Amino acid sequence: LSQPNIHKVGFTATKKLGNAVKRNRAKRRMRAIFRESSPSLKSGSYVFVAKVGLFDTLHEKLLQDFKKVLINAKTFT
């Protein structure tokens, strides 16, 4: 029996992004993308920081960029 991957995850959005509604929306989007990719990730700690471009980007493009960054970091199993 293999052990499930364990993730410690943090999502942050600074006030530079806008008001609380925008910051929370950014974190929700990042959480959704992480949830889709988490079964393929190695166990470990992850911290994601929201940037302004997050609001204007389509979900598919965010997912693609997210995976590219994590592949470069060698965290995909």
PDB file of N, CA and C in Angstrom:
ATOM      1  N   LEU A   1       0.831  -1.180   0.000  1.00  0.00           N
ATOM      2  CA  LEU A   1       0.000   0.000   0.000  1.00  0.00           C
ATOM      3  C   LEU A   1       0.873   1.239   0.000  1.00  0.00           C
ATOM      4  N   SER A   2       0.606   2.136  -0.908  1.00  0.00           N
ATOM      5  CA  SER A   2       1.397   3.372  -0.954  1.00  0.00           C
ATOM      6  C   SER A   2       0.717   4.448  -0.112  1.00  0.00           C
ATOM      7  N   GLN A   3       1.548   5.296   0.426  1.00  0.00           N
ATOM      8  CA  GLN A   3       1.044   6.374   1.269  1.00  0.00           C
ATOM      9  C   GLN A   3       0.557   7.527   0.403  1.00  0.00           C
ATOM     10  N   PRO A   4      -0.545   8.191   0.758  1.00  0.00           N
ATOM     11  CA  PRO A   4      -1.015   9.330  -0.036  1.00  0.00           C
ATOM     12  C   PRO A   4      -0.053  10.508   0.104  1.00  0.00           C
ATOM     13  N   ASN A   5      -0.031  11.334  -0.917  1.00  0.00           N
ATOM     14  CA  ASN A   5       0.813  12.531  -0.863  1.00  0.00           C
ATOM     15  C   ASN A   5       0.253  13.509   0.156  1.00  0.00           C
ATOM     16  N   ILE A   6       1.140  14.031   0.990  1.00  0.00           N
ATOM     17  CA  ILE A   6       0.736  14.982   2.021  1.00  0.00           C
ATOM     18  C   ILE A   6       1.251  16.360   1.608  1.00  0.00           C
ATOM     19  N   HIS A   7       0.355  17.328   1.600  1.00  0.00           N
ATOM     20  CA  HIS A   7       0.731  18.679   1.191  1.00  0.00           C
ATOM     21  C   HIS A   7       0.424  19.675   2.298  1.00  0.00           C
ATOM     22  N   LYS A   8       1.371  20.561   2.540  1.00  0.00           N
ATOM     23  CA  LYS A   8       1.124  21.743   3.365  1.00  0.00           C
ATOM     24  C   LYS A   8       1.112  22.890   2.374  1.00  0.00           C
ATOM     25  N   VAL A   9       0.023  23.631   2.350  1.00  0.00           N
ATOM     26  CA  VAL A   9      -0.150  24.647   1.317  1.00  0.00           C
ATOM     27  C   VAL A   9      -0.544  25.972   1.929  1.00  0.00           C
ATOM     28  N   GLY A  10       0.021  27.040   1.379  1.00  0.00           N
ATOM     29  CA  GLY A  10      -0.348  28.391   1.787  1.00  0.00           C
ATOM     30  C   GLY A  10      -0.646  29.230   0.561  1.00  0.00           C
ATOM     31  N   PHE A  11      -1.675  30.043   0.647  1.00  0.00           N
ATOM     32  CA  PHE A  11      -2.059  30.942  -0.443  1.00  0.00           C
ATOM     33  C   PHE A  11      -2.087  32.352   0.128  1.00  0.00           C
ATOM     34  N   THR A  12      -1.470  33.288  -0.574  1.00  0.00           N
ATOM     35  CA  THR A  12      -1.437  34.650  -0.076  1.00  0.00           C
ATOM     36  C   THR A  12      -1.719  35.644  -1.200  1.00  0.00           C
ATOM     37  N   ALA A  13      -2.313  36.742  -0.821  1.00  0.00           N
ATOM     38  CA  ALA A  13      -2.611  37.825  -1.758  1.00  0.00           C
ATOM     39  C   ALA A  13      -2.456  39.137  -0.992  1.00  0.00           C
ATOM     40  N   THR A  14      -1.593  40.017  -1.487  1.00  0.00           N
ATOM     41  CA  THR A  14      -1.344  41.272  -0.788  1.00  0.00           C
ATOM     42  C   THR A  14      -2.404  42.312  -1.134  1.00  0.00           C
ATOM     43  N   LYS A  15      -2.418  43.382  -0.383  1.00  0.00           N
ATOM     44  CA  LYS A  15      -3.389  44.454  -0.604  1.00  0.00           C
ATOM     45  C   LYS A  15      -3.164  45.171  -1.932  1.00  0.00           C
ATOM     46  N   LYS A  16      -2.023  44.954  -2.558  1.00  0.00           N
ATOM     47  CA  LYS A  16      -1.759  45.548  -3.868  1.00  0.00           C
ATOM     48  C   LYS A  16      -2.755  45.031  -4.912  1.00  0.00           C
ATOM     49  N   LEU A  17      -3.311  43.842  -4.675  1.00  0.00           N
ATOM     50  CA  LEU A  17      -4.276  43.255  -5.615  1.00  0.00           C
ATOM     51  C   LEU A  17      -5.615  43.966  -5.595  1.00  0.00           C
ATOM     52  N   GLY A  18      -5.955  44.551  -4.471  1.00  0.00           N
ATOM     53  CA  GLY A  18      -7.250  45.215  -4.374  1.00  0.00           C
ATOM     54  C   GLY A  18      -7.893  44.950  -3.027  1.00  0.00           C
ATOM     55  N   ASN A  19      -9.198  45.116  -3.006  1.00  0.00           N
ATOM     56  CA  ASN A  19      -9.924  44.954  -1.741  1.00  0.00           C
ATOM     57  C   ASN A  19     -10.039  43.472  -1.359  1.00  0.00           C
ATOM     58  N   ALA A  20     -10.663  43.197  -0.233  1.00  0.00           N
ATOM     59  CA  ALA A  20     -10.751  41.837   0.299  1.00  0.00           C
ATOM     60  C   ALA A  20     -11.470  40.893  -0.665  1.00  0.00           C
ATOM     61  N   VAL A  21     -12.458  41.402  -1.381  1.00  0.00           N
ATOM     62  CA  VAL A  21     -13.204  40.562  -2.320  1.00  0.00           C
ATOM     63  C   VAL A  21     -12.272  40.051  -3.410  1.00  0.00           C
ATOM     64  N   LYS A  22     -11.454  40.937  -3.969  1.00  0.00           N
ATOM     65  CA  LYS A  22     -10.513  40.541  -5.028  1.00  0.00           C
ATOM     66  C   LYS A  22      -9.443  39.606  -4.494  1.00  0.00           C
ATOM     67  N   ARG A  23      -8.939  39.879  -3.312  1.00  0.00           N
ATOM     68  CA  ARG A  23      -7.903  39.023  -2.724  1.00  0.00           C
ATOM     69  C   ARG A  23      -8.447  37.621  -2.471  1.00  0.00           C
ATOM     70  N   ASN A  24      -9.661  37.537  -1.942  1.00  0.00           N
ATOM     71  CA  ASN A  24     -10.267  36.223  -1.682  1.00  0.00           C
ATOM     72  C   ASN A  24     -10.556  35.468  -2.974  1.00  0.00           C
ATOM     73  N   ARG A  25     -10.968  36.199  -4.002  1.00  0.00           N
ATOM     74  CA  ARG A  25     -11.214  35.558  -5.302  1.00  0.00           C
ATOM     75  C   ARG A  25      -9.920  34.983  -5.863  1.00  0.00           C
ATOM     76  N   ALA A  26      -8.836  35.718  -5.726  1.00  0.00           N
ATOM     77  CA  ALA A  26      -7.535  35.245  -6.204  1.00  0.00           C
ATOM     78  C   ALA A  26      -7.130  33.963  -5.475  1.00  0.00           C
ATOM     79  N   LYS A  27      -7.324  33.937  -4.172  1.00  0.00           N
ATOM     80  CA  LYS A  27      -6.959  32.747  -3.398  1.00  0.00           C
ATOM     81  C   LYS A  27      -7.859  31.560  -3.748  1.00  0.00           C
ATOM     82  N   ARG A  28      -9.136  31.821  -4.002  1.00  0.00           N
ATOM     83  CA  ARG A  28     -10.046  30.743  -4.407  1.00  0.00           C
ATOM     84  C   ARG A  28      -9.612  30.124  -5.732  1.00  0.00           C
ATOM     85  N   ARG A  29      -9.208  30.984  -6.677  1.00  0.00           N
ATOM     86  CA  ARG A  29      -8.764  30.489  -7.978  1.00  0.00           C
ATOM     87  C   ARG A  29      -7.504  29.636  -7.833  1.00  0.00           C
ATOM     88  N   MET A  30      -6.576  30.087  -7.001  1.00  0.00           N
ATOM     89  CA  MET A  30      -5.341  29.322  -6.792  1.00  0.00           C
ATOM     90  C   MET A  30      -5.636  27.989  -6.115  1.00  0.00           C
ATOM     91  N   ARG A  31      -6.553  27.997  -5.140  1.00  0.00           N
ATOM     92  CA  ARG A  31      -6.926  26.753  -4.457  1.00  0.00           C
ATOM     93  C   ARG A  31      -7.540  25.749  -5.430  1.00  0.00           C
ATOM     94  N   ALA A  32      -8.397  26.226  -6.320  1.00  0.00           N
ATOM     95  CA  ALA A  32      -9.054  25.347  -7.290  1.00  0.00           C
ATOM     96  C   ALA A  32      -8.023  24.710  -8.221  1.00  0.00           C
ATOM     97  N   ILE A  33      -7.066  25.492  -8.661  1.00  0.00           N
ATOM     98  CA  ILE A  33      -6.028  24.965  -9.545  1.00  0.00           C
ATOM     99  C   ILE A  33      -5.153  23.967  -8.789  1.00  0.00           C
ATOM    100  N   PHE A  34      -4.822  24.281  -7.549  1.00  0.00           N
ATOM    101  CA  PHE A  34      -4.011  23.359  -6.757  1.00  0.00           C
ATOM    102  C   PHE A  34      -4.759  22.044  -6.550  1.00  0.00           C
ATOM    103  N   ARG A  35      -6.051  22.119  -6.263  1.00  0.00           N
ATOM    104  CA  ARG A  35      -6.852  20.924  -6.024  1.00  0.00           C
ATOM    105  C   ARG A  35      -6.839  20.002  -7.240  1.00  0.00           C
ATOM    106  N   GLU A  36      -6.875  20.585  -8.446  1.00  0.00           N
ATOM    107  CA  GLU A  36      -6.847  19.781  -9.667  1.00  0.00           C
ATOM    108  C   GLU A  36      -5.515  19.067  -9.843  1.00  0.00           C
ATOM    109  N   SER A  37      -4.427  19.711  -9.433  1.00  0.00           N
ATOM    110  CA  SER A  37      -3.092  19.173  -9.671  1.00  0.00           C
ATOM    111  C   SER A  37      -2.519  18.397  -8.502  1.00  0.00           C
ATOM    112  N   SER A  38      -3.105  18.498  -7.334  1.00  0.00           N
ATOM    113  CA  SER A  38      -2.499  17.924  -6.132  1.00  0.00           C
ATOM    114  C   SER A  38      -2.255  16.412  -6.187  1.00  0.00           C
ATOM    115  N   PRO A  39      -3.093  15.605  -6.848  1.00  0.00           N
ATOM    116  CA  PRO A  39      -2.773  14.175  -6.884  1.00  0.00           C
ATOM    117  C   PRO A  39      -1.452  13.868  -7.595  1.00  0.00           C
ATOM    118  N   SER A  40      -1.007  14.760  -8.484  1.00  0.00           N
ATOM    119  CA  SER A  40       0.223  14.536  -9.246  1.00  0.00           C
ATOM    120  C   SER A  40       1.457  15.133  -8.578  1.00  0.00           C
ATOM    121  N   LEU A  41       1.294  15.801  -7.457  1.00  0.00           N
ATOM    122  CA  LEU A  41       2.415  16.480  -6.820  1.00  0.00           C
ATOM    123  C   LEU A  41       3.062  15.623  -5.744  1.00  0.00           C
ATOM    124  N   LYS A  42       4.356  15.817  -5.578  1.00  0.00           N
ATOM    125  CA  LYS A  42       5.077  15.153  -4.502  1.00  0.00           C
ATOM    126  C   LYS A  42       4.657  15.753  -3.174  1.00  0.00           C
ATOM    127  N   SER A  43       4.846  14.986  -2.111  1.00  0.00           N
ATOM    128  CA  SER A  43       4.566  15.501  -0.774  1.00  0.00           C
ATOM    129  C   SER A  43       5.504  16.657  -0.482  1.00  0.00           C
ATOM    130  N   GLY A  44       5.011  17.643   0.249  1.00  0.00           N
ATOM    131  CA  GLY A  44       5.858  18.772   0.596  1.00  0.00           C
ATOM    132  C   GLY A  44       5.052  19.997   0.951  1.00  0.00           C
ATOM    133  N   SER A  45       5.770  21.094   1.125  1.00  0.00           N
ATOM    134  CA  SER A  45       5.154  22.378   1.458  1.00  0.00           C
ATOM    135  C   SER A  45       5.159  23.274   0.232  1.00  0.00           C
ATOM    136  N   TYR A  46       4.060  23.962   0.021  1.00  0.00           N
ATOM    137  CA  TYR A  46       3.906  24.836  -1.131  1.00  0.00           C
ATOM    138  C   TYR A  46       3.337  26.170  -0.672  1.00  0.00           C
ATOM    139  N   VAL A  47       3.867  27.264  -1.233  1.00  0.00           N
ATOM    140  CA  VAL A  47       3.345  28.600  -0.957  1.00  0.00           C
ATOM    141  C   VAL A  47       3.091  29.268  -2.297  1.00  0.00           C
ATOM    142  N   PHE A  48       1.888  29.771  -2.482  1.00  0.00           N
ATOM    143  CA  PHE A  48       1.505  30.431  -3.729  1.00  0.00           C
ATOM    144  C   PHE A  48       1.148  31.884  -3.436  1.00  0.00           C
ATOM    145  N   VAL A  49       1.685  32.778  -4.266  1.00  0.00           N
ATOM    146  CA  VAL A  49       1.454  34.212  -4.099  1.00  0.00           C
ATOM    147  C   VAL A  49       0.689  34.708  -5.320  1.00  0.00           C
ATOM    148  N   ALA A  50      -0.440  35.345  -5.088  1.00  0.00           N
ATOM    149  CA  ALA A  50      -1.267  35.860  -6.183  1.00  0.00           C
ATOM    150  C   ALA A  50      -0.633  37.105  -6.787  1.00  0.00           C
ATOM    151  N   LYS A  51      -0.711  37.196  -8.101  1.00  0.00           N
ATOM    152  CA  LYS A  51      -0.240  38.365  -8.831  1.00  0.00           C
ATOM    153  C   LYS A  51      -1.422  38.986  -9.572  1.00  0.00           C
ATOM    154  N   VAL A  52      -1.260  40.222 -10.020  1.00  0.00           N
ATOM    155  CA  VAL A  52      -2.353  40.974 -10.641  1.00  0.00           C
ATOM    156  C   VAL A  52      -2.921  40.257 -11.868  1.00  0.00           C
ATOM    157  N   GLY A  53      -2.092  39.620 -12.687  1.00  0.00           N
ATOM    158  CA  GLY A  53      -2.545  38.962 -13.904  1.00  0.00           C
ATOM    159  C   GLY A  53      -3.502  37.813 -13.676  1.00  0.00           C
ATOM    160  N   LEU A  54      -3.637  37.374 -12.451  1.00  0.00           N
ATOM    161  CA  LEU A  54      -4.510  36.251 -12.112  1.00  0.00           C
ATOM    162  C   LEU A  54      -5.971  36.517 -12.482  1.00  0.00           C
ATOM    163  N   PHE A  55      -6.389  37.767 -12.424  1.00  0.00           N
ATOM    164  CA  PHE A  55      -7.792  38.105 -12.676  1.00  0.00           C
ATOM    165  C   PHE A  55      -8.155  38.060 -14.154  1.00  0.00           C
ATOM    166  N   ASP A  56      -7.190  38.353 -15.023  1.00  0.00           N
ATOM    167  CA  ASP A  56      -7.477  38.471 -16.451  1.00  0.00           C
ATOM    168  C   ASP A  56      -7.213  37.196 -17.234  1.00  0.00           C
ATOM    169  N   THR A  57      -6.706  36.163 -16.572  1.00  0.00           N
ATOM    170  CA  THR A  57      -6.282  34.950 -17.251  1.00  0.00           C
ATOM    171  C   THR A  57      -7.352  33.862 -17.155  1.00  0.00           C
ATOM    172  N   LEU A  58      -7.541  33.136 -18.254  1.00  0.00           N
ATOM    173  CA  LEU A  58      -8.494  32.030 -18.275  1.00  0.00           C
ATOM    174  C   LEU A  58      -7.999  30.872 -17.415  1.00  0.00           C
ATOM    175  N   HIS A  59      -8.939  30.074 -16.928  1.00  0.00           N
ATOM    176  CA  HIS A  59      -8.610  28.947 -16.051  1.00  0.00           C
ATOM    177  C   HIS A  59      -7.631  27.969 -16.715  1.00  0.00           C
ATOM    178  N   GLU A  60      -7.848  27.667 -17.995  1.00  0.00           N
ATOM    179  CA  GLU A  60      -6.996  26.717 -18.697  1.00  0.00           C
ATOM    180  C   GLU A  60      -5.560  27.223 -18.771  1.00  0.00           C
ATOM    181  N   LYS A  61      -5.388  28.515 -19.038  1.00  0.00           N
ATOM    182  CA  LYS A  61      -4.048  29.113 -19.117  1.00  0.00           C
ATOM    183  C   LYS A  61      -3.382  29.099 -17.740  1.00  0.00           C
ATOM    184  N   LEU A  62      -4.134  29.394 -16.688  1.00  0.00           N
ATOM    185  CA  LEU A  62      -3.580  29.352 -15.334  1.00  0.00           C
ATOM    186  C   LEU A  62      -3.123  27.943 -14.986  1.00  0.00           C
ATOM    187  N   LEU A  63      -3.938  26.956 -15.325  1.00  0.00           N
ATOM    188  CA  LEU A  63      -3.590  25.570 -15.041  1.00  0.00           C
ATOM    189  C   LEU A  63      -2.322  25.167 -15.793  1.00  0.00           C
ATOM    190  N   GLN A  64      -2.224  25.568 -17.038  1.00  0.00           N
ATOM    191  CA  GLN A  64      -1.052  25.263 -17.856  1.00  0.00           C
ATOM    192  C   GLN A  64       0.205  25.914 -17.260  1.00  0.00           C
ATOM    193  N   ASP A  65       0.123  27.179 -16.889  1.00  0.00           N
ATOM    194  CA  ASP A  65       1.262  27.888 -16.295  1.00  0.00           C
ATOM    195  C   ASP A  65       1.634  27.293 -14.943  1.00  0.00           C
ATOM    196  N   PHE A  66       0.630  26.932 -14.160  1.00  0.00           N
ATOM    197  CA  PHE A  66       0.836  26.327 -12.854  1.00  0.00           C
ATOM    198  C   PHE A  66       1.633  25.036 -12.999  1.00  0.00           C
ATOM    199  N   LYS A  67       1.216  24.196 -13.939  1.00  0.00           N
ATOM    200  CA  LYS A  67       1.905  22.926 -14.152  1.00  0.00           C
ATOM    201  C   LYS A  67       3.325  23.141 -14.654  1.00  0.00           C
ATOM    202  N   LYS A  68       3.509  24.137 -15.536  1.00  0.00           N
ATOM    203  CA  LYS A  68       4.847  24.411 -16.065  1.00  0.00           C
ATOM    204  C   LYS A  68       5.809  24.808 -14.946  1.00  0.00           C
ATOM    205  N   VAL A  69       5.343  25.654 -14.034  1.00  0.00           N
ATOM    206  CA  VAL A  69       6.176  26.085 -12.919  1.00  0.00           C
ATOM    207  C   VAL A  69       6.528  24.906 -12.032  1.00  0.00           C
ATOM    208  N   LEU A  70       5.561  24.069 -11.732  1.00  0.00           N
ATOM    209  CA  LEU A  70       5.813  22.929 -10.850  1.00  0.00           C
ATOM    210  C   LEU A  70       6.663  21.850 -11.510  1.00  0.00           C
ATOM    211  N   ILE A  71       6.575  21.705 -12.814  1.00  0.00           N
ATOM    212  CA  ILE A  71       7.454  20.775 -13.530  1.00  0.00           C
ATOM    213  C   ILE A  71       8.892  21.280 -13.458  1.00  0.00           C
ATOM    214  N   ASN A  72       9.076  22.582 -13.653  1.00  0.00           N
ATOM    215  CA  ASN A  72      10.426  23.163 -13.556  1.00  0.00           C
ATOM    216  C   ASN A  72      10.999  23.003 -12.163  1.00  0.00           C
ATOM    217  N   ALA A  73      10.126  23.019 -11.153  1.00  0.00           N
ATOM    218  CA  ALA A  73      10.564  22.846  -9.761  1.00  0.00           C
ATOM    219  C   ALA A  73      10.728  21.362  -9.416  1.00  0.00           C
ATOM    220  N   LYS A  74      10.446  20.476 -10.375  1.00  0.00           N
ATOM    221  CA  LYS A  74      10.572  19.022 -10.198  1.00  0.00           C
ATOM    222  C   LYS A  74       9.708  18.496  -9.038  1.00  0.00           C
ATOM    223  N   THR A  75       8.477  18.971  -8.972  1.00  0.00           N
ATOM    224  CA  THR A  75       7.575  18.524  -7.905  1.00  0.00           C
ATOM    225  C   THR A  75       6.479  17.591  -8.411  1.00  0.00           C
ATOM    226  N   PHE A  76       6.374  17.375  -9.723  1.00  0.00           N
ATOM    227  CA  PHE A  76       5.397  16.432 -10.246  1.00  0.00           C
ATOM    228  C   PHE A  76       5.928  15.021 -10.125  1.00  0.00           C
ATOM    229  N   THR A  77       5.059  14.085  -9.764  1.00  0.00           N
ATOM    230  CA  THR A  77       5.487  12.686  -9.630  1.00  0.00           C
ATOM    231  C   THR A  77       5.323  11.950 -10.943  1.00  0.00           C
TER     232      THR A  77
END
